[in-house]
């Protein structure tokens, strides 16, 4: 008797990435410019690293203030501490704009 073994379909492990957003921002800034997959990988690593640094600094600020809720204020302070000069100013203004849009849409 030859019985067929039923194979279970294996789900693909989803890997979170910023590649879609990197591509969208590139097309907003320079519509006729393309980007290689290796460059997207480098950008993805950079964004992930920066995000982890900001969250680590925000976490330390939260522990020192003895509060238990992470707010936009801690994120803003962490960004000011980590990013240099003009880049920090632009990041803070974009962050404020995003928070304003989010609260107005609720």
PDB file of N, CA and C in Angstrom:
ATOM      1  N   UNK A   1       0.816  -1.190   0.000  1.00  0.00           N
ATOM      2  CA  UNK A   1       0.000   0.000   0.000  1.00  0.00           C
ATOM      3  C   UNK A   1       0.860   1.254   0.000  1.00  0.00           C
ATOM      4  N   UNK A   2       0.665   2.019  -0.979  1.00  0.00           N
ATOM      5  CA  UNK A   2       1.423   3.266  -1.075  1.00  0.00           C
ATOM      6  C   UNK A   2       0.551   4.422  -0.606  1.00  0.00           C
ATOM      7  N   UNK A   3       0.841   4.901   0.595  1.00  0.00           N
ATOM      8  CA  UNK A   3       0.078   6.036   1.124  1.00  0.00           C
ATOM      9  C   UNK A   3       0.850   7.324   0.863  1.00  0.00           C
ATOM     10  N   UNK A   4       0.101   8.294   0.448  1.00  0.00           N
ATOM     11  CA  UNK A   4       0.732   9.593   0.213  1.00  0.00           C
ATOM     12  C   UNK A   4       0.816  10.352   1.537  1.00  0.00           C
ATOM     13  N   UNK A   5       1.987  10.859   1.818  1.00  0.00           N
ATOM     14  CA  UNK A   5       2.162  11.672   3.018  1.00  0.00           C
ATOM     15  C   UNK A   5       1.713  13.095   2.704  1.00  0.00           C
ATOM     16  N   UNK A   6       0.920  13.629   3.604  1.00  0.00           N
ATOM     17  CA  UNK A   6       0.477  15.012   3.428  1.00  0.00           C
ATOM     18  C   UNK A   6       1.563  15.947   3.939  1.00  0.00           C
ATOM     19  N   UNK A   7       1.945  16.841   3.095  1.00  0.00           N
ATOM     20  CA  UNK A   7       2.956  17.809   3.491  1.00  0.00           C
ATOM     21  C   UNK A   7       2.277  19.061   4.037  1.00  0.00           C
ATOM     22  N   UNK A   8       2.797  19.511   5.158  1.00  0.00           N
ATOM     23  CA  UNK A   8       2.287  20.751   5.727  1.00  0.00           C
ATOM     24  C   UNK A   8       2.981  21.907   5.029  1.00  0.00           C
ATOM     25  N   UNK A   9       2.186  22.908   4.689  1.00  0.00           N
ATOM     26  CA  UNK A   9       2.773  24.087   4.073  1.00  0.00           C
ATOM     27  C   UNK A   9       3.511  24.869   5.148  1.00  0.00           C
ATOM     28  N   UNK A  10       4.701  25.231   4.821  1.00  0.00           N
ATOM     29  CA  UNK A  10       5.528  25.980   5.760  1.00  0.00           C
ATOM     30  C   UNK A  10       5.304  27.460   5.531  1.00  0.00           C
ATOM     31  N   UNK A  11       4.989  28.168   6.615  1.00  0.00           N
ATOM     32  CA  UNK A  11       4.786  29.605   6.487  1.00  0.00           C
ATOM     33  C   UNK A  11       6.132  30.302   6.388  1.00  0.00           C
ATOM     34  N   UNK A  12       6.196  31.286   5.511  1.00  0.00           N
ATOM     35  CA  UNK A  12       7.415  32.057   5.383  1.00  0.00           C
ATOM     36  C   UNK A  12       7.566  32.945   6.604  1.00  0.00           C
ATOM     37  N   UNK A  13       8.763  32.953   7.140  1.00  0.00           N
ATOM     38  CA  UNK A  13       9.059  33.799   8.290  1.00  0.00           C
ATOM     39  C   UNK A  13       9.161  35.241   7.784  1.00  0.00           C
ATOM     40  N   UNK A  14       8.260  36.100   8.264  1.00  0.00           N
ATOM     41  CA  UNK A  14       8.265  37.483   7.806  1.00  0.00           C
ATOM     42  C   UNK A  14       9.372  38.259   8.490  1.00  0.00           C
ATOM     43  N   UNK A  15      10.169  38.914   7.696  1.00  0.00           N
ATOM     44  CA  UNK A  15      11.237  39.728   8.242  1.00  0.00           C
ATOM     45  C   UNK A  15      10.848  41.184   8.076  1.00  0.00           C
ATOM     46  N   UNK A  16      10.756  41.885   9.193  1.00  0.00           N
ATOM     47  CA  UNK A  16      10.362  43.287   9.146  1.00  0.00           C
ATOM     48  C   UNK A  16      11.484  44.115   8.546  1.00  0.00           C
ATOM     49  N   UNK A  17      11.092  45.050   7.708  1.00  0.00           N
ATOM     50  CA  UNK A  17      12.070  45.857   7.005  1.00  0.00           C
ATOM     51  C   UNK A  17      11.463  47.226   6.684  1.00  0.00           C
ATOM     52  N   UNK A  18      12.327  48.203   6.512  1.00  0.00           N
ATOM     53  CA  UNK A  18      11.894  49.546   6.128  1.00  0.00           C
ATOM     54  C   UNK A  18      12.041  49.768   4.632  1.00  0.00           C
ATOM     55  N   UNK A  19      12.282  48.702   3.869  1.00  0.00           N
ATOM     56  CA  UNK A  19      12.614  48.846   2.448  1.00  0.00           C
ATOM     57  C   UNK A  19      11.509  49.534   1.645  1.00  0.00           C
ATOM     58  N   UNK A  20      10.266  49.241   1.945  1.00  0.00           N
ATOM     59  CA  UNK A  20       9.155  49.873   1.229  1.00  0.00           C
ATOM     60  C   UNK A  20       9.167  51.377   1.465  1.00  0.00           C
ATOM     61  N   UNK A  21       9.421  51.770   2.713  1.00  0.00           N
ATOM     62  CA  UNK A  21       9.407  53.185   3.076  1.00  0.00           C
ATOM     63  C   UNK A  21      10.628  53.912   2.519  1.00  0.00           C
ATOM     64  N   UNK A  22      11.763  53.219   2.480  1.00  0.00           N
ATOM     65  CA  UNK A  22      12.972  53.799   1.891  1.00  0.00           C
ATOM     66  C   UNK A  22      12.709  54.116   0.423  1.00  0.00           C
ATOM     67  N   UNK A  23      12.101  53.172  -0.277  1.00  0.00           N
ATOM     68  CA  UNK A  23      11.792  53.347  -1.694  1.00  0.00           C
ATOM     69  C   UNK A  23      10.795  54.492  -1.898  1.00  0.00           C
ATOM     70  N   UNK A  24       9.744  54.555  -1.051  1.00  0.00           N
ATOM     71  CA  UNK A  24       8.733  55.609  -1.189  1.00  0.00           C
ATOM     72  C   UNK A  24       9.326  56.992  -0.969  1.00  0.00           C
ATOM     73  N   UNK A  25      10.179  57.126   0.055  1.00  0.00           N
ATOM     74  CA  UNK A  25      10.804  58.420   0.329  1.00  0.00           C
ATOM     75  C   UNK A  25      11.747  58.809  -0.798  1.00  0.00           C
ATOM     76  N   UNK A  26      12.508  57.856  -1.315  1.00  0.00           N
ATOM     77  CA  UNK A  26      13.406  58.140  -2.443  1.00  0.00           C
ATOM     78  C   UNK A  26      12.620  58.663  -3.637  1.00  0.00           C
ATOM     79  N   UNK A  27      11.480  58.042  -3.915  1.00  0.00           N
ATOM     80  CA  UNK A  27      10.669  58.461  -5.059  1.00  0.00           C
ATOM     81  C   UNK A  27      10.026  59.828  -4.829  1.00  0.00           C
ATOM     82  N   UNK A  28       9.768  60.187  -3.563  1.00  0.00           N
ATOM     83  CA  UNK A  28       9.252  61.528  -3.267  1.00  0.00           C
ATOM     84  C   UNK A  28      10.325  62.581  -3.495  1.00  0.00           C
ATOM     85  N   UNK A  29      11.559  62.260  -3.092  1.00  0.00           N
ATOM     86  CA  UNK A  29      12.656  63.222  -3.175  1.00  0.00           C
ATOM     87  C   UNK A  29      13.234  63.289  -4.584  1.00  0.00           C
ATOM     88  N   UNK A  30      13.547  62.122  -5.150  1.00  0.00           N
ATOM     89  CA  UNK A  30      14.140  62.045  -6.498  1.00  0.00           C
ATOM     90  C   UNK A  30      13.399  60.992  -7.313  1.00  0.00           C
ATOM     91  N   UNK A  31      12.336  61.384  -8.020  1.00  0.00           N
ATOM     92  CA  UNK A  31      11.501  60.410  -8.734  1.00  0.00           C
ATOM     93  C   UNK A  31      12.231  59.589  -9.798  1.00  0.00           C
ATOM     94  N   UNK A  32      13.275  60.160 -10.411  1.00  0.00           N
ATOM     95  CA  UNK A  32      13.955  59.451 -11.489  1.00  0.00           C
ATOM     96  C   UNK A  32      15.181  58.664 -11.025  1.00  0.00           C
ATOM     97  N   UNK A  33      15.420  58.603  -9.715  1.00  0.00           N
ATOM     98  CA  UNK A  33      16.585  57.895  -9.179  1.00  0.00           C
ATOM     99  C   UNK A  33      16.182  56.507  -8.713  1.00  0.00           C
ATOM    100  N   UNK A  34      17.045  55.530  -8.982  1.00  0.00           N
ATOM    101  CA  UNK A  34      16.786  54.170  -8.508  1.00  0.00           C
ATOM    102  C   UNK A  34      17.775  53.827  -7.398  1.00  0.00           C
ATOM    103  N   UNK A  35      17.552  52.691  -6.738  1.00  0.00           N
ATOM    104  CA  UNK A  35      18.407  52.277  -5.630  1.00  0.00           C
ATOM    105  C   UNK A  35      18.614  50.768  -5.705  1.00  0.00           C
ATOM    106  N   UNK A  36      19.834  50.329  -5.453  1.00  0.00           N
ATOM    107  CA  UNK A  36      20.124  48.899  -5.509  1.00  0.00           C
ATOM    108  C   UNK A  36      19.653  48.218  -4.228  1.00  0.00           C
ATOM    109  N   UNK A  37      19.484  46.912  -4.308  1.00  0.00           N
ATOM    110  CA  UNK A  37      19.017  46.168  -3.134  1.00  0.00           C
ATOM    111  C   UNK A  37      20.060  46.196  -2.014  1.00  0.00           C
ATOM    112  N   UNK A  38      21.321  46.270  -2.380  1.00  0.00           N
ATOM    113  CA  UNK A  38      22.387  46.357  -1.373  1.00  0.00           C
ATOM    114  C   UNK A  38      22.329  47.705  -0.646  1.00  0.00           C
ATOM    115  N   UNK A  39      22.060  48.764  -1.390  1.00  0.00           N
ATOM    116  CA  UNK A  39      21.928  50.093  -0.789  1.00  0.00           C
ATOM    117  C   UNK A  39      20.716  50.151   0.132  1.00  0.00           C
ATOM    118  N   UNK A  40      19.620  49.506  -0.259  1.00  0.00           N
ATOM    119  CA  UNK A  40      18.425  49.434   0.584  1.00  0.00           C
ATOM    120  C   UNK A  40      18.750  48.680   1.866  1.00  0.00           C
ATOM    121  N   UNK A  41      19.533  47.620   1.744  1.00  0.00           N
ATOM    122  CA  UNK A  41      19.941  46.839   2.915  1.00  0.00           C
ATOM    123  C   UNK A  41      20.775  47.678   3.879  1.00  0.00           C
ATOM    124  N   UNK A  42      21.688  48.479   3.346  1.00  0.00           N
ATOM    125  CA  UNK A  42      22.512  49.360   4.173  1.00  0.00           C
ATOM    126  C   UNK A  42      21.635  50.396   4.869  1.00  0.00           C
ATOM    127  N   UNK A  43      20.715  50.998   4.125  1.00  0.00           N
ATOM    128  CA  UNK A  43      19.804  51.989   4.699  1.00  0.00           C
ATOM    129  C   UNK A  43      18.924  51.361   5.777  1.00  0.00           C
ATOM    130  N   UNK A  44      18.460  50.156   5.525  1.00  0.00           N
ATOM    131  CA  UNK A  44      17.624  49.451   6.496  1.00  0.00           C
ATOM    132  C   UNK A  44      18.388  49.217   7.800  1.00  0.00           C
ATOM    133  N   UNK A  45      19.643  48.807   7.692  1.00  0.00           N
ATOM    134  CA  UNK A  45      20.481  48.605   8.876  1.00  0.00           C
ATOM    135  C   UNK A  45      20.701  49.916   9.622  1.00  0.00           C
ATOM    136  N   UNK A  46      20.929  50.977   8.872  1.00  0.00           N
ATOM    137  CA  UNK A  46      21.131  52.295   9.474  1.00  0.00           C
ATOM    138  C   UNK A  46      19.900  52.752  10.242  1.00  0.00           C
ATOM    139  N   UNK A  47      18.730  52.600   9.638  1.00  0.00           N
ATOM    140  CA  UNK A  47      17.481  53.019  10.279  1.00  0.00           C
ATOM    141  C   UNK A  47      17.212  52.191  11.527  1.00  0.00           C
ATOM    142  N   UNK A  48      17.420  50.882  11.437  1.00  0.00           N
ATOM    143  CA  UNK A  48      17.214  49.998  12.590  1.00  0.00           C
ATOM    144  C   UNK A  48      18.144  50.369  13.734  1.00  0.00           C
ATOM    145  N   UNK A  49      19.412  50.623  13.410  1.00  0.00           N
ATOM    146  CA  UNK A  49      20.396  50.999  14.430  1.00  0.00           C
ATOM    147  C   UNK A  49      20.023  52.323  15.095  1.00  0.00           C
ATOM    148  N   UNK A  50      19.648  53.306  14.297  1.00  0.00           N
ATOM    149  CA  UNK A  50      19.266  54.615  14.830  1.00  0.00           C
ATOM    150  C   UNK A  50      18.029  54.498  15.709  1.00  0.00           C
ATOM    151  N   UNK A  51      17.058  53.712  15.267  1.00  0.00           N
ATOM    152  CA  UNK A  51      15.835  53.503  16.055  1.00  0.00           C
ATOM    153  C   UNK A  51      16.182  52.878  17.405  1.00  0.00           C
ATOM    154  N   UNK A  52      17.045  51.864  17.406  1.00  0.00           N
ATOM    155  CA  UNK A  52      17.429  51.209  18.656  1.00  0.00           C
ATOM    156  C   UNK A  52      18.177  52.163  19.578  1.00  0.00           C
ATOM    157  N   UNK A  53      19.029  53.004  19.024  1.00  0.00           N
ATOM    158  CA  UNK A  53      19.752  53.987  19.845  1.00  0.00           C
ATOM    159  C   UNK A  53      18.786  54.981  20.484  1.00  0.00           C
ATOM    160  N   UNK A  54      17.838  55.477  19.689  1.00  0.00           N
ATOM    161  CA  UNK A  54      16.857  56.442  20.209  1.00  0.00           C
ATOM    162  C   UNK A  54      16.011  55.803  21.299  1.00  0.00           C
ATOM    163  N   UNK A  55      15.561  54.575  21.066  1.00  0.00           N
ATOM    164  CA  UNK A  55      14.729  53.908  22.071  1.00  0.00           C
ATOM    165  C   UNK A  55      15.520  53.602  23.343  1.00  0.00           C
ATOM    166  N   UNK A  56      16.787  53.241  23.211  1.00  0.00           N
ATOM    167  CA  UNK A  56      17.627  52.995  24.378  1.00  0.00           C
ATOM    168  C   UNK A  56      17.813  54.251  25.210  1.00  0.00           C
ATOM    169  N   UNK A  57      18.087  55.360  24.526  1.00  0.00           N
ATOM    170  CA  UNK A  57      18.266  56.640  25.227  1.00  0.00           C
ATOM    171  C   UNK A  57      16.961  57.092  25.872  1.00  0.00           C
ATOM    172  N   UNK A  58      15.848  56.932  25.172  1.00  0.00           N
ATOM    173  CA  UNK A  58      14.541  57.297  25.725  1.00  0.00           C
ATOM    174  C   UNK A  58      14.218  56.441  26.949  1.00  0.00           C
ATOM    175  N   UNK A  59      14.584  55.185  26.890  1.00  0.00           N
ATOM    176  CA  UNK A  59      14.373  54.284  28.028  1.00  0.00           C
ATOM    177  C   UNK A  59      15.183  54.725  29.242  1.00  0.00           C
ATOM    178  N   UNK A  60      16.437  55.109  29.010  1.00  0.00           N
ATOM    179  CA  UNK A  60      17.275  55.604  30.110  1.00  0.00           C
ATOM    180  C   UNK A  60      16.714  56.891  30.705  1.00  0.00           C
ATOM    181  N   UNK A  61      16.207  57.787  29.828  1.00  0.00           N
ATOM    182  CA  UNK A  61      15.586  59.027  30.313  1.00  0.00           C
ATOM    183  C   UNK A  61      14.362  58.718  31.164  1.00  0.00           C
ATOM    184  N   UNK A  62      13.615  57.726  30.744  1.00  0.00           N
ATOM    185  CA  UNK A  62      12.404  57.333  31.472  1.00  0.00           C
ATOM    186  C   UNK A  62      12.755  56.775  32.846  1.00  0.00           C
ATOM    187  N   UNK A  63      13.802  55.961  32.922  1.00  0.00           N
ATOM    188  CA  UNK A  63      14.230  55.394  34.210  1.00  0.00           C
ATOM    189  C   UNK A  63      14.735  56.475  35.148  1.00  0.00           C
ATOM    190  N   UNK A  64      15.446  57.454  34.610  1.00  0.00           N
ATOM    191  CA  UNK A  64      15.974  58.513  35.472  1.00  0.00           C
ATOM    192  C   UNK A  64      14.884  59.447  35.979  1.00  0.00           C
ATOM    193  N   UNK A  65      13.805  59.578  35.215  1.00  0.00           N
ATOM    194  CA  UNK A  65      12.696  60.446  35.646  1.00  0.00           C
ATOM    195  C   UNK A  65      11.693  59.710  36.522  1.00  0.00           C
ATOM    196  N   UNK A  66      11.852  58.404  36.657  1.00  0.00           N
ATOM    197  CA  UNK A  66      10.993  57.548  37.479  1.00  0.00           C
ATOM    198  C   UNK A  66       9.519  57.539  37.030  1.00  0.00           C
ATOM    199  N   UNK A  67       9.305  57.820  35.741  1.00  0.00           N
ATOM    200  CA  UNK A  67       7.963  57.678  35.167  1.00  0.00           C
ATOM    201  C   UNK A  67       7.873  56.314  34.509  1.00  0.00           C
ATOM    202  N   UNK A  68       6.659  55.877  34.218  1.00  0.00           N
ATOM    203  CA  UNK A  68       6.511  54.557  33.605  1.00  0.00           C
ATOM    204  C   UNK A  68       5.954  54.616  32.182  1.00  0.00           C
ATOM    205  N   UNK A  69       5.624  55.814  31.702  1.00  0.00           N
ATOM    206  CA  UNK A  69       5.052  55.945  30.362  1.00  0.00           C
ATOM    207  C   UNK A  69       6.002  56.693  29.439  1.00  0.00           C
ATOM    208  N   UNK A  70       6.295  56.072  28.312  1.00  0.00           N
ATOM    209  CA  UNK A  70       7.150  56.696  27.307  1.00  0.00           C
ATOM    210  C   UNK A  70       6.293  57.637  26.465  1.00  0.00           C
ATOM    211  N   UNK A  71       6.647  58.909  26.459  1.00  0.00           N
ATOM    212  CA  UNK A  71       5.878  59.902  25.707  1.00  0.00           C
ATOM    213  C   UNK A  71       6.742  60.499  24.598  1.00  0.00           C
ATOM    214  N   UNK A  72       6.125  61.358  23.807  1.00  0.00           N
ATOM    215  CA  UNK A  72       6.858  62.015  22.722  1.00  0.00           C
ATOM    216  C   UNK A  72       7.949  62.929  23.271  1.00  0.00           C
ATOM    217  N   UNK A  73       7.783  63.364  24.501  1.00  0.00           N
ATOM    218  CA  UNK A  73       8.797  64.236  25.109  1.00  0.00           C
ATOM    219  C   UNK A  73      10.126  63.493  25.301  1.00  0.00           C
ATOM    220  N   UNK A  74      10.059  62.254  25.783  1.00  0.00           N
ATOM    221  CA  UNK A  74      11.281  61.454  25.948  1.00  0.00           C
ATOM    222  C   UNK A  74      11.939  61.159  24.597  1.00  0.00           C
ATOM    223  N   UNK A  75      11.108  60.854  23.609  1.00  0.00           N
ATOM    224  CA  UNK A  75      11.637  60.582  22.261  1.00  0.00           C
ATOM    225  C   UNK A  75      12.334  61.833  21.722  1.00  0.00           C
ATOM    226  N   UNK A  76      11.693  62.981  21.905  1.00  0.00           N
ATOM    227  CA  UNK A  76      12.252  64.238  21.414  1.00  0.00           C
ATOM    228  C   UNK A  76      13.590  64.544  22.088  1.00  0.00           C
ATOM    229  N   UNK A  77      13.668  64.339  23.394  1.00  0.00           N
ATOM    230  CA  UNK A  77      14.918  64.586  24.114  1.00  0.00           C
ATOM    231  C   UNK A  77      16.005  63.622  23.662  1.00  0.00           C
ATOM    232  N   UNK A  78      15.640  62.354  23.464  1.00  0.00           N
ATOM    233  CA  UNK A  78      16.606  61.352  22.995  1.00  0.00           C
ATOM    234  C   UNK A  78      17.147  61.721  21.621  1.00  0.00           C
ATOM    235  N   UNK A  79      16.273  62.187  20.746  1.00  0.00           N
ATOM    236  CA  UNK A  79      16.692  62.601  19.400  1.00  0.00           C
ATOM    237  C   UNK A  79      17.649  63.780  19.490  1.00  0.00           C
ATOM    238  N   UNK A  80      17.330  64.748  20.361  1.00  0.00           N
ATOM    239  CA  UNK A  80      18.213  65.910  20.524  1.00  0.00           C
ATOM    240  C   UNK A  80      19.583  65.512  21.047  1.00  0.00           C
ATOM    241  N   UNK A  81      19.616  64.491  21.923  1.00  0.00           N
ATOM    242  CA  UNK A  81      20.891  64.039  22.485  1.00  0.00           C
ATOM    243  C   UNK A  81      21.722  63.248  21.477  1.00  0.00           C
ATOM    244  N   UNK A  82      21.059  62.466  20.626  1.00  0.00           N
ATOM    245  CA  UNK A  82      21.770  61.554  19.736  1.00  0.00           C
ATOM    246  C   UNK A  82      22.155  62.150  18.387  1.00  0.00           C
ATOM    247  N   UNK A  83      21.281  62.949  17.816  1.00  0.00           N
ATOM    248  CA  UNK A  83      21.549  63.469  16.469  1.00  0.00           C
ATOM    249  C   UNK A  83      22.270  64.810  16.539  1.00  0.00           C
ATOM    250  N   UNK A  84      23.169  65.063  15.610  1.00  0.00           N
ATOM    251  CA  UNK A  84      23.925  66.320  15.639  1.00  0.00           C
ATOM    252  C   UNK A  84      23.121  67.505  15.091  1.00  0.00           C
ATOM    253  N   UNK A  85      23.315  68.653  15.709  1.00  0.00           N
ATOM    254  CA  UNK A  85      22.820  69.971  15.308  1.00  0.00           C
ATOM    255  C   UNK A  85      21.571  70.083  14.462  1.00  0.00           C
ATOM    256  N   UNK A  86      21.799  70.444  13.205  1.00  0.00           N
ATOM    257  CA  UNK A  86      20.698  70.728  12.281  1.00  0.00           C
ATOM    258  C   UNK A  86      19.821  69.503  12.023  1.00  0.00           C
ATOM    259  N   UNK A  87      20.425  68.334  12.006  1.00  0.00           N
ATOM    260  CA  UNK A  87      19.671  67.093  11.791  1.00  0.00           C
ATOM    261  C   UNK A  87      18.673  66.868  12.929  1.00  0.00           C
ATOM    262  N   UNK A  88      19.091  67.164  14.157  1.00  0.00           N
ATOM    263  CA  UNK A  88      18.203  67.029  15.318  1.00  0.00           C
ATOM    264  C   UNK A  88      17.028  67.999  15.214  1.00  0.00           C
ATOM    265  N   UNK A  89      17.311  69.236  14.779  1.00  0.00           N
ATOM    266  CA  UNK A  89      16.239  70.242  14.635  1.00  0.00           C
ATOM    267  C   UNK A  89      15.208  69.792  13.615  1.00  0.00           C
ATOM    268  N   UNK A  90      15.676  69.290  12.474  1.00  0.00           N
ATOM    269  CA  UNK A  90      14.756  68.818  11.433  1.00  0.00           C
ATOM    270  C   UNK A  90      13.964  67.606  11.920  1.00  0.00           C
ATOM    271  N   UNK A  91      14.627  66.688  12.611  1.00  0.00           N
ATOM    272  CA  UNK A  91      13.958  65.484  13.117  1.00  0.00           C
ATOM    273  C   UNK A  91      12.880  65.852  14.122  1.00  0.00           C
ATOM    274  N   UNK A  92      13.178  66.795  15.010  1.00  0.00           N
ATOM    275  CA  UNK A  92      12.202  67.224  16.020  1.00  0.00           C
ATOM    276  C   UNK A  92      11.011  67.903  15.359  1.00  0.00           C
ATOM    277  N   UNK A  93      11.269  68.757  14.370  1.00  0.00           N
ATOM    278  CA  UNK A  93      10.148  69.440  13.709  1.00  0.00           C
ATOM    279  C   UNK A  93       9.272  68.455  12.936  1.00  0.00           C
ATOM    280  N   UNK A  94       9.894  67.473  12.262  1.00  0.00           N
ATOM    281  CA  UNK A  94       9.115  66.450  11.551  1.00  0.00           C
ATOM    282  C   UNK A  94       8.329  65.582  12.533  1.00  0.00           C
ATOM    283  N   UNK A  95       8.945  65.278  13.670  1.00  0.00           N
ATOM    284  CA  UNK A  95       8.259  64.498  14.701  1.00  0.00           C
ATOM    285  C   UNK A  95       7.061  65.237  15.263  1.00  0.00           C
ATOM    286  N   UNK A  96       7.239  66.535  15.526  1.00  0.00           N
ATOM    287  CA  UNK A  96       6.117  67.352  16.017  1.00  0.00           C
ATOM    288  C   UNK A  96       4.990  67.403  14.999  1.00  0.00           C
ATOM    289  N   UNK A  97       5.360  67.511  13.730  1.00  0.00           N
ATOM    290  CA  UNK A  97       4.357  67.537  12.660  1.00  0.00           C
ATOM    291  C   UNK A  97       3.584  66.216  12.611  1.00  0.00           C
ATOM    292  N   UNK A  98       4.304  65.099  12.765  1.00  0.00           N
ATOM    293  CA  UNK A  98       3.664  63.775  12.754  1.00  0.00           C
ATOM    294  C   UNK A  98       2.726  63.598  13.934  1.00  0.00           C
ATOM    295  N   UNK A  99       3.144  64.041  15.118  1.00  0.00           N
ATOM    296  CA  UNK A  99       2.296  63.933  16.311  1.00  0.00           C
ATOM    297  C   UNK A  99       1.051  64.803  16.154  1.00  0.00           C
ATOM    298  N   UNK A 100       1.220  65.997  15.606  1.00  0.00           N
ATOM    299  CA  UNK A 100       0.068  66.887  15.371  1.00  0.00           C
ATOM    300  C   UNK A 100      -0.923  66.261  14.403  1.00  0.00           C
ATOM    301  N   UNK A 101      -0.421  65.698  13.297  1.00  0.00           N
ATOM    302  CA  UNK A 101      -1.300  65.035  12.327  1.00  0.00           C
ATOM    303  C   UNK A 101      -2.033  63.856  12.959  1.00  0.00           C
ATOM    304  N   UNK A 102      -1.319  63.099  13.792  1.00  0.00           N
ATOM    305  CA  UNK A 102      -1.922  61.921  14.440  1.00  0.00           C
ATOM    306  C   UNK A 102      -3.019  62.343  15.406  1.00  0.00           C
ATOM    307  N   UNK A 103      -2.756  63.349  16.228  1.00  0.00           N
ATOM    308  CA  UNK A 103      -3.766  63.756  17.219  1.00  0.00           C
ATOM    309  C   UNK A 103      -4.959  64.442  16.559  1.00  0.00           C
ATOM    310  N   UNK A 104      -4.741  65.136  15.444  1.00  0.00           N
ATOM    311  CA  UNK A 104      -5.855  65.788  14.762  1.00  0.00           C
ATOM    312  C   UNK A 104      -6.728  64.792  14.007  1.00  0.00           C
ATOM    313  N   UNK A 105      -6.164  63.640  13.630  1.00  0.00           N
ATOM    314  CA  UNK A 105      -6.946  62.637  12.903  1.00  0.00           C
ATOM    315  C   UNK A 105      -7.788  61.763  13.825  1.00  0.00           C
ATOM    316  N   UNK A 106      -7.519  61.795  15.118  1.00  0.00           N
ATOM    317  CA  UNK A 106      -8.279  60.982  16.079  1.00  0.00           C
ATOM    318  C   UNK A 106      -9.659  61.521  16.308  1.00  0.00           C
TER     319      UNK A 106
END
